[in-house]
């Protein structure tokens, strides 16, 4: 594989080291997605593997999200989907990462995700597809869903797994405002299960797997209920409706409206149906002029920044 190294120890625990070659930060690319297919196939098919630890092989952090230069090409391709048949193909293409994360989540082996440094956008969505999540105890940690700022929505499960972890209303600022997720809130809400010193993360992950860690996500357990109730509960009627009105009062940007629709529609159905709803809204939002313009503007602004002096600062990809 190009972007992951797999090692299996004598207890049957596989370590999946995420390390995109030639990049200072890991990003989600088509090649990464292809590797995820191979990882799932290996985990499902190798009886010697009892569980896996997913972590970064880079000191810079876990993953900065999608490769935006590559995504512009995807958007151009999706915008050319005119017929119903072409749009169906486009929706499937746009949902590739979401399906792969779901395949990892349902592979039958317990997966622990470890985050140090940062996990943004699709990188954080990948971690949320792990059954147990550990994070470094460091105030410089960066966790967020920044997609709305570039005219997109989290399209790989973020609008579905986050509210199923922390509740509908609690999830809204992170998804709609790209608010940073503090370490304290990440632990309190169950986004991550434990915060530990860097040198304790691997041992804690191994112990969780060997002590019988479950390979079933909470939303796949029988009787799962959305924390705080859904939008059609009494509390939902009282809070979600006014929240929608407040969010949309300032304008008609495509991404916030689509995120709200993902939340409202998606949390009322089982997770797989919710992911399909999110996938359709992601495809249509990504095809908008707004998304293309915002992504291009972001890339241009980043390329115009002064380059860091080698040895004194670290750039991003």
Protein backbone atom coordinates (compact mmCIF):
# COMPACT_ATOMS: atom_id res chain seq x y z
CA UNK A 1 0.00 0.00 0.00
CA UNK A 2 1.12 3.51 -0.75
CA UNK A 3 -0.24 5.45 2.23
CA UNK A 4 -0.41 2.96 5.10
CA UNK A 5 2.06 0.57 6.65
CA UNK A 6 0.60 -2.47 8.41
CA UNK A 7 2.41 -4.40 11.13
CA UNK A 8 0.90 -7.22 13.20
CA UNK A 9 2.36 -8.07 16.60
CA UNK A 10 2.44 -11.46 18.31
CA UNK A 11 -0.91 -10.80 20.03
CA UNK A 12 -2.68 -10.29 16.72
CA UNK A 13 -3.03 -6.52 16.95
CA UNK A 14 -2.43 -4.72 13.65
CA UNK A 15 -1.05 -1.20 13.62
CA UNK A 16 -2.16 0.85 10.63
CA UNK A 17 0.30 3.70 10.23
CA UNK A 18 -1.15 6.48 8.05
CA UNK A 19 1.69 8.22 6.22
CA UNK A 20 1.06 9.82 2.81
CA UNK A 21 4.44 9.95 1.04
CA UNK A 22 5.93 13.28 0.09
CA UNK A 23 3.52 15.32 2.22
CA UNK A 24 4.08 17.13 5.49
CA UNK A 25 0.46 16.41 6.48
CA UNK A 26 -1.73 13.43 5.74
CA UNK A 27 -4.69 14.22 3.49
CA UNK A 28 -7.49 12.10 2.04
CA UNK A 29 -6.87 11.29 -1.62
CA UNK A 30 -8.21 8.73 -4.07
CA UNK A 31 -5.10 6.67 -3.36
CA UNK A 32 -5.82 6.75 0.38
CA UNK A 33 -9.35 5.54 -0.28
CA UNK A 34 -8.06 2.65 -2.38
CA UNK A 35 -5.75 1.70 0.47
CA UNK A 36 -8.69 1.73 2.89
CA UNK A 37 -10.36 -0.91 0.69
CA UNK A 38 -7.28 -3.08 1.05
CA UNK A 39 -7.12 -2.53 4.80
CA UNK A 40 -10.73 -3.64 5.26
CA UNK A 41 -10.13 -6.69 3.08
CA UNK A 42 -7.07 -7.60 5.18
CA UNK A 43 -8.84 -7.13 8.50
CA UNK A 44 -11.84 -9.15 7.44
CA UNK A 45 -9.87 -11.92 5.80
CA UNK A 46 -6.99 -12.49 8.23
CA UNK A 47 -8.11 -14.58 11.23
CA UNK A 48 -4.79 -13.90 12.96
CA UNK A 49 -5.74 -10.22 13.38
CA UNK A 50 -7.84 -9.63 16.50
CA UNK A 51 -8.06 -5.84 16.23
CA UNK A 52 -6.29 -2.79 14.86
CA UNK A 53 -4.85 0.55 15.91
CA UNK A 54 -5.16 3.37 13.37
CA UNK A 55 -2.71 6.20 13.89
CA UNK A 56 -0.55 8.65 11.99
CA UNK A 57 2.99 7.94 10.95
CA UNK A 58 3.71 11.69 10.87
CA UNK A 59 4.66 13.95 13.75
CA UNK A 60 2.41 16.69 12.31
CA UNK A 61 -0.83 15.00 13.28
CA UNK A 62 -3.39 12.47 12.12
CA UNK A 63 -5.01 14.01 9.02
CA UNK A 64 -5.80 17.50 7.72
CA UNK A 65 -8.85 16.38 5.70
CA UNK A 66 -9.40 16.16 1.97
CA UNK A 67 -6.80 17.00 -0.65
CA UNK A 68 -8.54 20.12 -1.95
CA UNK A 69 -6.61 20.31 -5.21
CA UNK A 70 -7.76 16.81 -6.04
CA UNK A 71 -11.28 17.64 -4.89
CA UNK A 72 -11.55 20.48 -7.41
CA UNK A 73 -11.13 17.87 -10.13
CA UNK A 74 -13.82 15.75 -8.49
CA UNK A 75 -16.17 18.72 -8.35
CA UNK A 76 -15.63 19.49 -12.02
CA UNK A 77 -16.46 15.89 -12.86
CA UNK A 78 -19.58 15.87 -10.65
CA UNK A 79 -20.82 19.14 -12.16
CA UNK A 80 -20.82 17.43 -15.54
CA UNK A 81 -23.34 14.83 -14.35
CA UNK A 82 -26.51 15.81 -16.21
CA UNK A 83 -28.65 12.70 -16.71
CA UNK A 84 -30.18 10.71 -13.83
CA UNK A 85 -27.79 7.88 -14.62
CA UNK A 86 -24.76 10.19 -14.52
CA UNK A 87 -25.92 11.76 -11.27
CA UNK A 88 -26.31 8.31 -9.71
CA UNK A 89 -22.72 7.54 -10.66
CA UNK A 90 -21.64 10.91 -9.27
CA UNK A 91 -23.42 10.36 -5.96
CA UNK A 92 -21.71 6.98 -5.61
CA UNK A 93 -18.35 8.56 -6.43
CA UNK A 94 -18.86 11.38 -3.93
CA UNK A 95 -19.75 8.84 -1.23
CA UNK A 96 -16.58 6.80 -1.62
CA UNK A 97 -14.90 7.82 1.63
CA UNK A 98 -18.13 7.50 3.59
CA UNK A 99 -18.64 3.92 2.38
CA UNK A 100 -15.07 2.99 3.18
CA UNK A 101 -15.28 4.38 6.72
CA UNK A 102 -18.51 2.44 7.19
CA UNK A 103 -16.82 -0.71 5.88
CA UNK A 104 -14.02 -0.23 8.42
CA UNK A 105 -16.57 0.34 11.17
CA UNK A 106 -18.40 -2.90 10.31
CA UNK A 107 -15.39 -5.09 9.47
CA UNK A 108 -15.93 -7.25 12.56
CA UNK A 109 -12.64 -6.35 14.28
CA UNK A 110 -12.33 -3.69 17.00
CA UNK A 111 -10.52 -0.58 15.75
CA UNK A 112 -8.87 2.04 17.96
CA UNK A 113 -8.19 5.47 16.50
CA UNK A 114 -5.34 7.50 17.99
CA UNK A 115 -5.03 11.24 17.33
CA UNK A 116 -2.06 13.46 18.05
CA UNK A 117 -1.60 16.96 16.69
CA UNK A 118 -4.69 17.42 14.56
CA UNK A 119 -7.68 15.71 12.97
CA UNK A 120 -9.72 17.91 10.66
CA UNK A 121 -12.67 17.29 8.36
CA UNK A 122 -12.42 13.91 6.67
CA UNK A 123 -9.58 12.98 9.00
CA UNK A 124 -11.84 13.43 12.02
CA UNK A 125 -14.62 11.55 10.23
CA UNK A 126 -12.24 8.63 9.70
CA UNK A 127 -11.45 8.56 13.42
CA UNK A 128 -15.16 8.67 14.32
CA UNK A 129 -15.53 5.43 12.35
CA UNK A 130 -13.26 3.73 14.89
CA UNK A 131 -14.87 1.90 17.82
CA UNK A 132 -12.60 3.38 20.48
CA UNK A 133 -10.88 6.75 20.22
CA UNK A 134 -7.86 8.01 22.12
CA UNK A 135 -6.38 11.48 21.93
CA UNK A 136 -3.17 13.03 23.17
CA UNK A 137 -3.53 15.17 26.27
CA UNK A 138 -2.16 18.35 24.75
CA UNK A 139 -3.72 21.85 24.69
CA UNK A 140 -2.34 22.43 21.19
CA UNK A 141 -4.58 19.69 19.79
CA UNK A 142 -6.69 20.77 16.80
CA UNK A 143 -10.05 19.09 16.15
CA UNK A 144 -12.72 20.54 13.87
CA UNK A 145 -15.01 20.19 10.88
CA UNK A 146 -13.95 23.19 8.73
CA UNK A 147 -15.93 22.20 5.62
CA UNK A 148 -18.64 24.86 5.90
CA UNK A 149 -16.00 27.57 5.49
CA UNK A 150 -15.23 26.36 1.98
CA UNK A 151 -18.83 25.81 0.94
CA UNK A 152 -18.99 22.10 1.74
CA UNK A 153 -20.48 19.83 4.38
CA UNK A 154 -18.83 16.91 6.17
CA UNK A 155 -19.58 14.16 3.66
CA UNK A 156 -18.04 11.08 5.24
CA UNK A 157 -20.32 10.60 8.22
CA UNK A 158 -19.67 13.76 10.22
CA UNK A 159 -23.27 14.98 10.16
CA UNK A 160 -24.45 11.54 11.28
CA UNK A 161 -21.93 10.20 13.78
CA UNK A 162 -21.32 13.44 15.68
CA UNK A 163 -24.97 14.04 16.69
CA UNK A 164 -25.29 10.35 17.55
CA UNK A 165 -22.41 10.86 19.99
CA UNK A 166 -23.14 14.24 21.57
CA UNK A 167 -26.70 15.10 20.57
CA UNK A 168 -28.26 17.15 17.82
CA UNK A 169 -28.03 20.63 19.31
CA UNK A 170 -24.54 20.12 20.75
CA UNK A 171 -23.28 19.07 17.30
CA UNK A 172 -24.60 22.13 15.48
CA UNK A 173 -21.85 24.68 16.32
CA UNK A 174 -19.13 22.24 15.26
CA UNK A 175 -20.79 21.46 11.94
CA UNK A 176 -22.38 24.82 11.09
CA UNK A 177 -19.78 27.22 12.48
CA UNK A 178 -16.64 25.06 12.18
CA UNK A 179 -16.12 25.73 15.89
CA UNK A 180 -12.98 24.08 17.24
CA UNK A 181 -13.64 21.12 19.50
CA UNK A 182 -11.78 21.59 22.76
CA UNK A 183 -10.06 18.66 24.39
CA UNK A 184 -12.36 18.91 27.40
CA UNK A 185 -15.52 18.90 25.26
CA UNK A 186 -14.20 16.06 23.10
CA UNK A 187 -13.82 13.88 26.19
CA UNK A 188 -17.00 15.02 27.95
CA UNK A 189 -19.12 14.27 24.90
CA UNK A 190 -17.56 10.94 24.05
CA UNK A 191 -16.06 12.14 20.78
CA UNK A 192 -12.90 10.65 22.27
CA UNK A 193 -12.96 8.16 25.10
CA UNK A 194 -9.71 9.09 26.83
CA UNK A 195 -6.97 11.73 26.72
CA UNK A 196 -3.54 10.43 27.62
CA UNK A 197 0.13 11.41 27.40
CA UNK A 198 1.63 10.54 24.02
CA UNK A 199 3.74 7.72 25.42
CA UNK A 200 0.69 6.01 26.96
CA UNK A 201 -1.59 5.97 23.91
CA UNK A 202 -0.38 2.76 22.26
CA UNK A 203 -0.47 0.68 25.45
CA UNK A 204 -3.97 1.93 26.23
CA UNK A 205 -5.15 1.04 22.73
CA UNK A 206 -3.67 -2.46 22.96
CA UNK A 207 -5.21 -3.06 26.39
CA UNK A 208 -8.66 -2.00 25.18
CA UNK A 209 -8.53 -4.47 22.29
CA UNK A 210 -7.11 -7.36 24.35
CA UNK A 211 -9.63 -6.76 27.15
CA UNK A 212 -12.47 -7.49 24.73
CA UNK A 213 -13.15 -4.14 23.10
CA UNK A 214 -16.36 -4.19 21.06
CA UNK A 215 -16.34 -4.10 17.26
CA UNK A 216 -19.88 -2.65 17.22
CA UNK A 217 -20.51 1.09 17.14
CA UNK A 218 -23.15 2.47 19.56
CA UNK A 219 -25.54 3.34 16.71
CA UNK A 220 -25.44 -0.28 15.56
CA UNK A 221 -26.51 -1.58 18.96
CA UNK A 222 -30.14 -2.62 19.33
CA UNK A 223 -32.18 0.06 21.04
CA UNK A 224 -29.79 2.93 20.35
CA UNK A 225 -31.35 6.34 21.00
CA UNK A 226 -30.11 9.73 19.93
CA UNK A 227 -28.72 11.63 22.95
CA UNK A 228 -31.12 14.41 23.88
CA UNK A 229 -33.79 13.20 21.48
CA UNK A 230 -34.48 13.90 17.83
CA UNK A 231 -35.94 16.97 16.10
CA UNK A 232 -39.49 15.64 16.40
CA UNK A 233 -39.42 15.12 20.16
CA UNK A 234 -40.92 17.78 22.44
CA UNK A 235 -37.46 19.17 23.21
CA UNK A 236 -36.58 19.01 19.54
CA UNK A 237 -39.63 21.01 18.53
CA UNK A 238 -38.78 23.62 21.15
CA UNK A 239 -35.11 23.98 20.24
CA UNK A 240 -34.26 22.70 16.77
CA UNK A 241 -36.84 24.79 14.89
CA UNK A 242 -35.71 28.12 16.36
CA UNK A 243 -32.09 27.07 15.86
CA UNK A 244 -32.75 26.47 12.17
CA UNK A 245 -34.43 29.86 11.83
CA UNK A 246 -31.53 31.60 13.56
CA UNK A 247 -28.92 29.87 11.42
CA UNK A 248 -30.62 30.69 8.14
CA UNK A 249 -31.62 34.24 9.01
CA UNK A 250 -28.41 35.74 7.72
CA UNK A 251 -28.57 34.43 4.17
CA UNK A 252 -29.01 31.49 1.89
CA UNK A 253 -25.57 29.87 1.72
CA UNK A 254 -25.82 26.37 0.33
CA UNK A 255 -23.70 24.47 2.84
CA UNK A 256 -25.38 25.48 6.14
CA UNK A 257 -28.82 24.69 4.75
CA UNK A 258 -27.62 21.30 3.52
CA UNK A 259 -26.02 20.51 6.88
CA UNK A 260 -29.28 21.31 8.66
CA UNK A 261 -31.17 19.03 6.28
CA UNK A 262 -28.65 16.24 6.91
CA UNK A 263 -29.14 16.65 10.64
CA UNK A 264 -32.92 16.88 10.54
CA UNK A 265 -33.48 14.02 8.13
CA UNK A 266 -30.52 11.81 8.95
CA UNK A 267 -30.90 11.40 12.69
CA UNK A 268 -34.46 10.13 12.31
CA UNK A 269 -33.42 6.99 10.43
CA UNK A 270 -30.86 4.20 10.98
CA UNK A 271 -27.23 5.12 10.41
CA UNK A 272 -26.90 3.59 6.94
CA UNK A 273 -29.90 5.53 5.68
CA UNK A 274 -28.56 8.65 7.36
CA UNK A 275 -25.23 8.24 5.59
CA UNK A 276 -27.01 7.94 2.25
CA UNK A 277 -28.92 11.15 2.96
CA UNK A 278 -25.68 12.92 3.83
CA UNK A 279 -24.05 11.54 0.68
CA UNK A 280 -26.73 13.04 -1.60
CA UNK A 281 -26.55 16.44 0.06
CA UNK A 282 -22.76 16.38 -0.10
CA UNK A 283 -22.81 15.63 -3.82
CA UNK A 284 -25.25 18.43 -4.58
CA UNK A 285 -23.49 20.92 -2.32
CA UNK A 286 -20.07 20.12 -3.81
CA UNK A 287 -21.48 20.75 -7.30
CA UNK A 288 -22.45 24.32 -6.41
CA UNK A 289 -20.65 27.40 -7.73
CA UNK A 290 -20.21 28.46 -4.12
CA UNK A 291 -18.11 25.40 -3.23
CA UNK A 292 -15.85 25.67 -6.27
CA UNK A 293 -15.28 29.39 -5.73
CA UNK A 294 -14.59 29.05 -2.03
CA UNK A 295 -12.17 26.16 -2.47
CA UNK A 296 -10.30 27.99 -5.21
CA UNK A 297 -10.16 31.15 -3.09
CA UNK A 298 -8.85 29.17 -0.13
CA UNK A 299 -6.14 27.50 -2.20
CA UNK A 300 -5.11 30.83 -3.75
CA UNK A 301 -4.89 32.53 -0.37
CA UNK A 302 -2.80 29.70 0.98
CA UNK A 303 -0.42 29.74 -1.97
CA UNK A 304 0.10 33.49 -1.57
CA UNK A 305 1.24 33.21 2.04
CA UNK A 306 4.98 33.72 2.66
CA UNK A 307 6.78 30.40 2.70
CA UNK A 308 8.18 29.43 6.11
CA UNK A 309 11.91 29.61 6.66
CA UNK A 310 13.28 26.09 6.75
CA UNK A 311 14.06 25.02 10.27
CA UNK A 312 11.95 27.72 11.90
CA UNK A 313 8.39 26.93 10.79
CA UNK A 314 6.36 24.20 9.24
CA UNK A 315 4.16 24.66 6.20
CA UNK A 316 1.09 22.72 5.15
CA UNK A 317 0.33 20.84 1.98
